[in-house]
C-alpha cells in the first residue's frame, strides 16, 4: 500500500469513528439505536473495507 493510501484511509477511518461517536452521543435508548442502525452499519462497513 502506498503512503498516500494509508494517509487517506486513516483520515477516512477517523472520520467514520467520529461520526459513530456523534451518533452514539445522541442515542438515549434502544429505540434511538434501532433508528440509527443503518448509519452504524454504513460507518462500520466503511471502516472494515478500508482496514482490509
N, C-alpha and C. Protein backbone atom coordinates (compact mmCIF):
# COMPACT_ATOMS: atom_id res chain seq x y z
N UNK A 1 0.83 -1.18 0.00
CA UNK A 1 0.00 0.00 0.00
C UNK A 1 0.88 1.25 0.00
N UNK A 2 0.44 2.23 -0.71
CA UNK A 2 1.21 3.46 -0.78
C UNK A 2 0.97 4.31 0.47
N UNK A 3 1.92 5.18 0.73
CA UNK A 3 1.78 6.09 1.87
C UNK A 3 0.56 6.98 1.71
N UNK A 4 0.29 7.38 0.48
CA UNK A 4 -0.86 8.25 0.22
C UNK A 4 -2.17 7.54 0.57
N UNK A 5 -2.28 6.26 0.18
CA UNK A 5 -3.48 5.50 0.51
C UNK A 5 -3.63 5.36 2.02
N UNK A 6 -2.54 5.07 2.70
CA UNK A 6 -2.59 4.91 4.16
C UNK A 6 -3.04 6.21 4.82
N UNK A 7 -2.53 7.34 4.35
CA UNK A 7 -2.95 8.64 4.90
C UNK A 7 -4.44 8.87 4.67
N UNK A 8 -4.90 8.60 3.47
CA UNK A 8 -6.30 8.80 3.13
C UNK A 8 -7.20 7.83 3.92
N UNK A 9 -6.80 6.58 3.98
CA UNK A 9 -7.58 5.58 4.72
C UNK A 9 -7.65 5.93 6.20
N UNK A 10 -6.54 6.37 6.76
CA UNK A 10 -6.52 6.76 8.17
C UNK A 10 -7.47 7.92 8.43
N UNK A 11 -7.48 8.90 7.54
CA UNK A 11 -8.39 10.03 7.69
C UNK A 11 -9.84 9.58 7.59
N UNK A 12 -10.13 8.74 6.60
CA UNK A 12 -11.50 8.25 6.41
C UNK A 12 -11.96 7.43 7.62
N UNK A 13 -11.09 6.59 8.15
CA UNK A 13 -11.44 5.78 9.32
C UNK A 13 -11.69 6.68 10.52
N UNK A 14 -10.82 7.65 10.74
CA UNK A 14 -11.02 8.58 11.86
C UNK A 14 -12.32 9.38 11.72
N UNK A 15 -12.63 9.77 10.50
CA UNK A 15 -13.90 10.48 10.26
C UNK A 15 -15.10 9.58 10.57
N UNK A 16 -15.01 8.32 10.15
CA UNK A 16 -16.11 7.39 10.41
C UNK A 16 -16.27 7.14 11.90
N UNK A 17 -15.17 7.02 12.63
CA UNK A 17 -15.22 6.84 14.08
C UNK A 17 -15.85 8.06 14.74
N UNK A 18 -15.49 9.24 14.28
CA UNK A 18 -16.09 10.46 14.82
C UNK A 18 -17.59 10.50 14.59
N UNK A 19 -18.00 10.09 13.40
CA UNK A 19 -19.44 10.04 13.09
C UNK A 19 -20.15 9.04 14.00
N UNK A 20 -19.54 7.88 14.22
CA UNK A 20 -20.12 6.88 15.12
C UNK A 20 -20.24 7.44 16.54
N UNK A 21 -19.23 8.15 16.98
CA UNK A 21 -19.27 8.75 18.31
C UNK A 21 -20.42 9.74 18.42
N UNK A 22 -20.60 10.56 17.40
CA UNK A 22 -21.69 11.54 17.41
C UNK A 22 -23.05 10.85 17.46
N UNK A 23 -23.20 9.79 16.69
CA UNK A 23 -24.46 9.05 16.71
C UNK A 23 -24.69 8.47 18.10
N UNK A 24 -23.67 7.88 18.68
CA UNK A 24 -23.82 7.25 20.00
C UNK A 24 -24.16 8.27 21.07
N UNK A 25 -23.62 9.47 20.96
CA UNK A 25 -23.93 10.52 21.93
C UNK A 25 -25.41 10.86 21.90
N UNK A 26 -26.00 10.84 20.71
CA UNK A 26 -27.41 11.22 20.59
C UNK A 26 -28.37 10.09 20.96
N UNK A 27 -27.88 8.87 21.06
CA UNK A 27 -28.75 7.73 21.39
C UNK A 27 -29.00 7.69 22.90
N UNK A 28 -30.26 7.76 23.25
CA UNK A 28 -30.65 7.74 24.66
C UNK A 28 -31.28 6.42 25.08
N UNK A 29 -31.75 5.64 24.11
CA UNK A 29 -32.42 4.37 24.44
C UNK A 29 -32.33 3.42 23.25
N UNK A 30 -32.90 2.21 23.43
CA UNK A 30 -32.83 1.20 22.37
C UNK A 30 -33.52 1.66 21.08
N UNK A 31 -34.57 2.44 21.22
CA UNK A 31 -35.27 2.93 20.04
C UNK A 31 -34.37 3.85 19.20
N UNK A 32 -33.61 4.70 19.87
CA UNK A 32 -32.67 5.57 19.16
C UNK A 32 -31.61 4.75 18.44
N UNK A 33 -31.13 3.72 19.10
CA UNK A 33 -30.12 2.86 18.49
C UNK A 33 -30.70 2.17 17.26
N UNK A 34 -31.90 1.64 17.39
CA UNK A 34 -32.55 0.97 16.26
C UNK A 34 -32.76 1.92 15.09
N UNK A 35 -33.15 3.14 15.38
CA UNK A 35 -33.42 4.09 14.30
C UNK A 35 -32.13 4.55 13.61
N UNK A 36 -31.00 4.36 14.26
CA UNK A 36 -29.71 4.73 13.67
C UNK A 36 -28.91 3.53 13.17
N UNK A 37 -29.53 2.35 13.14
CA UNK A 37 -28.82 1.12 12.76
C UNK A 37 -28.19 1.22 11.37
N UNK A 38 -28.91 1.82 10.42
CA UNK A 38 -28.36 1.94 9.07
C UNK A 38 -27.10 2.80 9.05
N UNK A 39 -27.10 3.88 9.82
CA UNK A 39 -25.92 4.74 9.91
C UNK A 39 -24.74 4.02 10.57
N UNK A 40 -25.03 3.28 11.65
CA UNK A 40 -23.99 2.47 12.29
C UNK A 40 -23.36 1.52 11.27
N UNK A 41 -24.23 0.82 10.54
CA UNK A 41 -23.76 -0.17 9.58
C UNK A 41 -22.93 0.48 8.47
N UNK A 42 -23.36 1.62 8.00
CA UNK A 42 -22.65 2.33 6.93
C UNK A 42 -21.22 2.67 7.36
N UNK A 43 -21.09 3.21 8.56
CA UNK A 43 -19.77 3.62 9.03
C UNK A 43 -18.88 2.43 9.38
N UNK A 44 -19.44 1.41 10.01
CA UNK A 44 -18.62 0.24 10.34
C UNK A 44 -18.20 -0.52 9.08
N UNK A 45 -19.06 -0.54 8.08
CA UNK A 45 -18.71 -1.18 6.80
C UNK A 45 -17.57 -0.43 6.13
N UNK A 46 -17.62 0.87 6.18
CA UNK A 46 -16.55 1.68 5.60
C UNK A 46 -15.22 1.41 6.29
N UNK A 47 -15.26 1.36 7.64
CA UNK A 47 -14.03 1.08 8.39
C UNK A 47 -13.48 -0.30 8.02
N UNK A 48 -14.35 -1.29 7.96
CA UNK A 48 -13.92 -2.65 7.61
C UNK A 48 -13.30 -2.67 6.22
N UNK A 49 -13.94 -2.02 5.28
CA UNK A 49 -13.43 -2.00 3.91
C UNK A 49 -12.06 -1.35 3.80
N UNK A 50 -11.86 -0.27 4.51
CA UNK A 50 -10.58 0.43 4.45
C UNK A 50 -9.48 -0.31 5.22
N UNK A 51 -9.87 -1.13 6.18
CA UNK A 51 -8.87 -1.83 7.00
C UNK A 51 -8.35 -3.09 6.33
N UNK A 52 -8.99 -3.56 5.30
CA UNK A 52 -8.56 -4.80 4.65
C UNK A 52 -7.38 -4.62 3.76
